[in-house]
Amino acid sequence: MMEKYVCPCGYVYDPAEGDPENGIAPGTAWEDVPEDWVCPICGLGKDAFDAE
């Protein structure tokens, strides 16, 4: 199972679900999410997320 990543705002990036509304297909590992992707809730970048 792939690790989930949590934004300080509470949004959880779950690789199994991805973020299809923002171009991230389900099954996309965190490492494969583009560096310019941002939290769909608050807009913070990947560097603000912590592994769950």
C-alpha atoms as a PDB file:
ATOM      1  CA  MET A   1       0.000   0.000   0.000  1.00  0.00           C
ATOM      2  CA  MET A   2       1.247   3.449  -0.907  1.00  0.00           C
ATOM      3  CA  GLU A   3       1.812   6.059   1.765  1.00  0.00           C
ATOM      4  CA  LYS A   4      -0.620   8.959   2.130  1.00  0.00           C
ATOM      5  CA  TYR A   5       0.534  12.557   2.467  1.00  0.00           C
ATOM      6  CA  VAL A   6      -1.154  15.204   4.588  1.00  0.00           C
ATOM      7  CA  CYS A   7      -1.257  18.956   4.038  1.00  0.00           C
ATOM      8  CA  PRO A   8      -1.221  21.280   7.083  1.00  0.00           C
ATOM      9  CA  CYS A   9      -4.786  22.298   6.109  1.00  0.00           C
ATOM     10  CA  GLY A  10      -5.966  18.715   6.603  1.00  0.00           C
ATOM     11  CA  TYR A  11      -6.210  17.603   2.951  1.00  0.00           C
ATOM     12  CA  VAL A  12      -4.934  14.046   2.497  1.00  0.00           C
ATOM     13  CA  TYR A  13      -3.336  12.989  -0.779  1.00  0.00           C
ATOM     14  CA  ASP A  14      -4.167   9.303  -1.193  1.00  0.00           C
ATOM     15  CA  PRO A  15      -2.233   7.777  -4.113  1.00  0.00           C
ATOM     16  CA  ALA A  16      -5.024   5.237  -4.640  1.00  0.00           C
ATOM     17  CA  GLU A  17      -7.443   8.098  -5.325  1.00  0.00           C
ATOM     18  CA  GLY A  18      -5.073  10.634  -6.885  1.00  0.00           C
ATOM     19  CA  ASP A  19      -6.522  14.069  -7.641  1.00  0.00           C
ATOM     20  CA  PRO A  20      -8.354  13.534 -10.946  1.00  0.00           C
ATOM     21  CA  GLU A  21      -9.987  16.975 -10.859  1.00  0.00           C
ATOM     22  CA  ASN A  22      -6.483  18.460 -11.069  1.00  0.00           C
ATOM     23  CA  GLY A  23      -4.932  16.021 -13.545  1.00  0.00           C
ATOM     24  CA  ILE A  24      -3.506  13.428 -11.133  1.00  0.00           C
ATOM     25  CA  ALA A  25      -4.796   9.980 -12.077  1.00  0.00           C
ATOM     26  CA  PRO A  26      -5.751   7.402  -9.423  1.00  0.00           C
ATOM     27  CA  GLY A  27      -2.772   5.197  -8.643  1.00  0.00           C
ATOM     28  CA  THR A  28      -0.230   8.044  -8.988  1.00  0.00           C
ATOM     29  CA  ALA A  29       2.526   7.662  -6.394  1.00  0.00           C
ATOM     30  CA  TRP A  30       3.543  10.786  -4.474  1.00  0.00           C
ATOM     31  CA  GLU A  31       6.954  10.707  -6.145  1.00  0.00           C
ATOM     32  CA  ASP A  32       5.225  10.883  -9.552  1.00  0.00           C
ATOM     33  CA  VAL A  33       3.011  13.870  -8.704  1.00  0.00           C
ATOM     34  CA  PRO A  34       4.443  16.892 -10.573  1.00  0.00           C
ATOM     35  CA  GLU A  35       6.473  19.314  -8.466  1.00  0.00           C
ATOM     36  CA  ASP A  36       4.182  22.190  -9.489  1.00  0.00           C
ATOM     37  CA  TRP A  37       1.047  20.446  -8.179  1.00  0.00           C
ATOM     38  CA  VAL A  38      -0.559  22.248  -5.233  1.00  0.00           C
ATOM     39  CA  CYS A  39      -3.078  21.308  -2.560  1.00  0.00           C
ATOM     40  CA  PRO A  40      -6.551  21.609  -4.111  1.00  0.00           C
ATOM     41  CA  ILE A  41      -7.889  23.115  -0.876  1.00  0.00           C
ATOM     42  CA  CYS A  42      -5.304  25.670   0.268  1.00  0.00           C
ATOM     43  CA  GLY A  43      -2.762  25.907  -2.576  1.00  0.00           C
ATOM     44  CA  LEU A  44       0.351  24.859  -0.658  1.00  0.00           C
ATOM     45  CA  GLY A  45       3.028  22.996  -2.581  1.00  0.00           C
ATOM     46  CA  LYS A  46       4.238  19.416  -2.203  1.00  0.00           C
ATOM     47  CA  ASP A  47       6.995  20.503   0.189  1.00  0.00           C
ATOM     48  CA  ALA A  48       4.368  21.428   2.808  1.00  0.00           C
ATOM     49  CA  PHE A  49       2.969  17.881   2.977  1.00  0.00           C
ATOM     50  CA  ASP A  50       4.036  15.264   5.518  1.00  0.00           C
ATOM     51  CA  ALA A  51       3.888  11.497   5.157  1.00  0.00           C
ATOM     52  CA  GLU A  52       1.067  10.008   7.205  1.00  0.00           C
END
